[in-house]
Protein backbone atom coordinates (compact mmCIF):
# COMPACT_ATOMS: atom_id res chain seq x y z
CA MET A 1 -25.29 -68.62 32.48
CA LEU A 2 -24.71 -66.06 29.75
CA LEU A 3 -27.21 -63.22 29.42
CA PHE A 4 -27.79 -61.51 26.08
CA GLU A 5 -29.44 -58.34 24.87
CA TRP A 6 -29.83 -56.56 21.54
CA ASP A 7 -31.71 -53.87 19.71
CA THR A 8 -34.83 -55.51 18.23
CA ASP A 9 -34.92 -53.27 15.14
CA LYS A 10 -31.27 -54.02 14.41
CA ALA A 11 -31.95 -57.74 14.93
CA ARG A 12 -34.77 -57.67 12.34
CA LYS A 13 -32.59 -55.82 9.84
CA ASN A 14 -29.76 -58.29 10.41
CA ILE A 15 -32.00 -61.22 9.42
CA LYS A 16 -32.97 -59.44 6.18
CA ILE A 17 -29.40 -58.45 5.31
CA HIS A 18 -27.38 -61.46 6.53
CA GLY A 19 -29.96 -64.22 7.01
CA VAL A 20 -28.93 -64.91 10.62
CA SER A 21 -30.92 -64.13 13.78
CA PHE A 22 -29.40 -62.77 16.96
CA ASP A 23 -31.00 -65.72 18.77
CA GLU A 24 -28.92 -68.09 16.65
CA ALA A 25 -25.86 -65.86 17.18
CA SER A 26 -26.18 -66.24 20.94
CA THR A 27 -25.70 -70.01 20.60
CA ALA A 28 -22.23 -69.52 19.07
CA PHE A 29 -21.01 -68.39 22.49
CA ARG A 30 -21.48 -71.99 23.71
CA ASP A 31 -19.03 -73.34 21.12
CA ALA A 32 -16.05 -74.62 23.12
CA LEU A 33 -13.81 -74.01 20.10
CA SER A 34 -14.97 -70.43 19.46
CA LEU A 35 -12.44 -67.63 19.17
CA THR A 36 -12.94 -64.10 20.51
CA ILE A 37 -10.74 -61.15 19.59
CA HIS A 38 -10.82 -57.46 20.52
CA ASP A 39 -11.91 -55.14 17.69
CA PRO A 40 -9.73 -52.02 18.06
CA LEU A 41 -11.16 -50.35 14.92
CA TYR A 42 -14.60 -49.92 16.48
CA SER A 43 -13.73 -49.67 20.18
CA ASP A 44 -13.56 -45.89 20.59
CA GLU A 45 -16.70 -45.50 22.72
CA GLU A 46 -16.85 -49.03 24.17
CA ASP A 47 -14.82 -52.21 23.82
CA ARG A 48 -16.10 -54.32 20.96
CA PHE A 49 -15.26 -57.93 20.31
CA ILE A 50 -15.57 -60.37 17.42
CA LEU A 51 -16.48 -63.98 18.15
CA ILE A 52 -16.14 -66.72 15.55
CA GLY A 53 -18.01 -69.86 16.49
CA ASN A 54 -20.48 -72.52 15.41
CA SER A 55 -24.17 -72.01 16.13
CA TYR A 56 -26.67 -74.70 17.08
CA LYS A 57 -27.43 -74.94 13.32
CA ASN A 58 -23.76 -75.85 12.80
CA ARG A 59 -23.12 -72.65 10.86
CA LEU A 60 -19.85 -70.81 11.40
CA LEU A 61 -20.78 -67.28 12.47
CA VAL A 62 -18.97 -63.99 13.01
CA VAL A 63 -20.61 -62.17 15.93
CA VAL A 64 -19.77 -58.56 16.81
CA HIS A 65 -20.63 -57.81 20.42
CA THR A 66 -19.84 -55.76 23.49
CA GLU A 67 -20.23 -56.32 27.20
CA ARG A 68 -22.60 -54.15 29.21
CA GLY A 69 -22.59 -54.99 32.87
CA ASN A 70 -23.30 -58.70 33.14
CA LYS A 71 -24.84 -58.95 29.65
CA ILE A 72 -23.45 -59.56 26.21
CA ARG A 73 -24.96 -57.11 23.71
CA ILE A 74 -25.00 -58.49 20.19
CA ILE A 75 -24.40 -55.79 17.58
CA SER A 76 -24.31 -57.82 14.36
CA VAL A 77 -23.82 -61.33 13.02
CA LYS A 78 -23.16 -62.88 9.64
CA LYS A 79 -22.12 -66.24 8.27
CA ALA A 80 -18.35 -66.61 8.08
CA THR A 81 -16.83 -66.65 4.60
CA LYS A 82 -13.34 -67.22 3.28
CA LYS A 83 -12.89 -63.42 3.01
């Protein structure tokens, strides 16, 4: 079972800015066809990763996250675009 955590203030701001909740973002980790890559540009202090996967709402999401102990900490999420 995957365990998730996030900053609640950042999660609220993310909904206002990108229209996606961190709760929904956590469901993209269950997508068997998701892709995760290391993000070397923002990995100076801790390893950061980018996951691209479908949420339970069938929206393709880009989820920035890190691993802290046995938990996945979601940093940000937005809907994927062609950019």
